[in-house]
Protein backbone atom coordinates (compact mmCIF):
# COMPACT_ATOMS: atom_id res chain seq x y z
CA UNK A 1 96.83 109.77 114.33
CA UNK A 2 95.17 112.95 113.08
CA UNK A 3 96.88 115.55 110.92
CA UNK A 4 94.81 118.70 110.46
CA UNK A 5 95.03 120.10 106.93
CA UNK A 6 93.31 122.63 104.73
CA UNK A 7 92.40 120.69 101.58
CA UNK A 8 93.32 122.29 98.26
CA UNK A 9 91.03 122.66 95.26
CA UNK A 10 91.98 119.17 94.03
CA UNK A 11 90.92 117.43 97.27
CA UNK A 12 88.14 114.87 97.08
CA UNK A 13 86.40 113.23 100.01
CA UNK A 14 87.56 109.63 100.33
CA UNK A 15 90.47 110.05 97.90
CA UNK A 16 93.77 108.40 98.87
CA UNK A 17 96.50 110.58 100.34
CA UNK A 18 100.21 110.09 101.02
CA UNK A 19 102.01 110.88 104.27
CA UNK A 20 105.52 112.24 104.20
CA UNK A 21 108.11 112.85 106.89
CA UNK A 22 111.80 113.63 107.10
CA UNK A 23 114.24 111.01 108.49
CA UNK A 24 115.26 113.32 111.34
CA UNK A 25 111.63 113.67 112.48
CA UNK A 26 111.21 109.95 113.11
CA UNK A 27 111.99 108.26 116.41
CA UNK A 28 113.81 104.92 116.16
CA UNK A 29 112.70 104.12 119.74
CA UNK A 30 108.99 104.20 118.79
CA UNK A 31 108.04 107.42 120.61
CA UNK A 32 105.35 109.55 118.94
CA UNK A 33 101.66 109.78 118.12
CA UNK A 34 101.83 106.68 115.92
CA UNK A 35 104.15 103.71 115.51
CA UNK A 36 105.16 102.21 112.19
CA UNK A 37 106.34 98.59 112.38
CA UNK A 38 109.38 98.21 110.12
CA UNK A 39 112.24 95.85 109.32
CA UNK A 40 115.77 97.21 109.00
CA UNK A 41 117.40 96.18 105.70
CA UNK A 42 120.53 98.38 105.92
CA UNK A 43 122.41 100.36 108.57
CA UNK A 44 124.72 103.25 107.66
CA UNK A 45 126.94 104.37 110.53
CA UNK A 46 128.47 107.81 110.05
CA UNK A 47 130.19 108.41 113.38
CA UNK A 48 127.90 110.79 115.26
CA UNK A 49 124.77 109.63 113.45
CA UNK A 50 123.28 106.50 111.96
CA UNK A 51 120.78 106.03 109.15
CA UNK A 52 118.43 103.06 109.24
CA UNK A 53 116.90 101.96 105.95
CA UNK A 54 113.65 100.14 106.64
CA UNK A 55 110.70 98.43 104.94
CA UNK A 56 107.12 98.36 106.18
CA UNK A 57 104.98 95.22 105.98
CA UNK A 58 103.33 96.81 102.95
CA UNK A 59 106.69 97.11 101.19
CA UNK A 60 107.21 100.85 101.63
CA UNK A 61 110.81 101.93 102.14
CA UNK A 62 111.93 104.91 104.18
CA UNK A 63 114.92 106.19 106.11
CA UNK A 64 115.19 106.83 109.86
CA UNK A 65 117.84 109.10 111.38
CA UNK A 66 119.26 107.77 114.66
CA UNK A 67 122.06 108.71 117.07
CA UNK A 68 125.51 107.39 116.21
CA UNK A 69 125.46 105.00 119.16
CA UNK A 70 122.13 103.38 118.19
CA UNK A 71 122.58 99.61 118.27
CA UNK A 72 120.48 97.91 115.59
CA UNK A 73 121.16 95.12 113.11
CA UNK A 74 120.04 94.36 109.58
CA UNK A 75 116.94 92.16 109.72
CA UNK A 76 115.82 93.56 113.08
CA UNK A 77 112.17 94.51 113.55
CA UNK A 78 111.67 97.98 115.06
CA UNK A 79 108.80 100.36 115.81
CA UNK A 80 109.37 103.80 114.32
CA UNK A 81 107.62 106.65 116.12
CA UNK A 82 106.17 109.59 114.24
CA UNK A 83 104.40 112.68 115.60
CA UNK A 84 101.51 114.36 113.83
CA UNK A 85 103.37 117.70 113.91
CA UNK A 86 106.11 116.30 111.69
CA UNK A 87 103.86 114.71 109.04
CA UNK A 88 102.96 116.24 105.72
CA UNK A 89 99.94 115.13 103.70
CA UNK A 90 99.92 115.03 99.89
CA UNK A 91 97.22 114.34 97.33
CA UNK A 92 97.69 111.75 94.57
CA UNK A 93 99.35 114.37 92.34
CA UNK A 94 101.96 115.16 95.00
CA UNK A 95 100.56 118.54 96.06
CA UNK A 96 100.91 119.16 99.80
CA UNK A 97 97.89 120.15 101.85
CA UNK A 98 98.33 123.26 104.01
CA UNK A 99 98.78 122.38 107.70
CA UNK A 100 96.33 123.79 110.24
CA UNK A 101 97.11 124.49 113.89
CA UNK A 102 95.77 121.84 116.27
């Protein structure tokens, strides 16, 4: 997946970056430009919506927003879809890079 950004003055070629995304911009059905394999460790059902708390194989935790009728169980392996338009890229200090139009 490619995310086009305008690097800031602190950007260095080859330096690590962090990707960020909001729970409501993730697809619990795996649709998107990239798929993140994850294991559900908690499910919070709130009537019309559900929050899935997941871990990646690398041990990263994040939250996925799903419809209230989404059927998933703790311990289940899922593929979380993410689109490049909904990703944000940050440098090691937490400063976001400006997004560029594709």
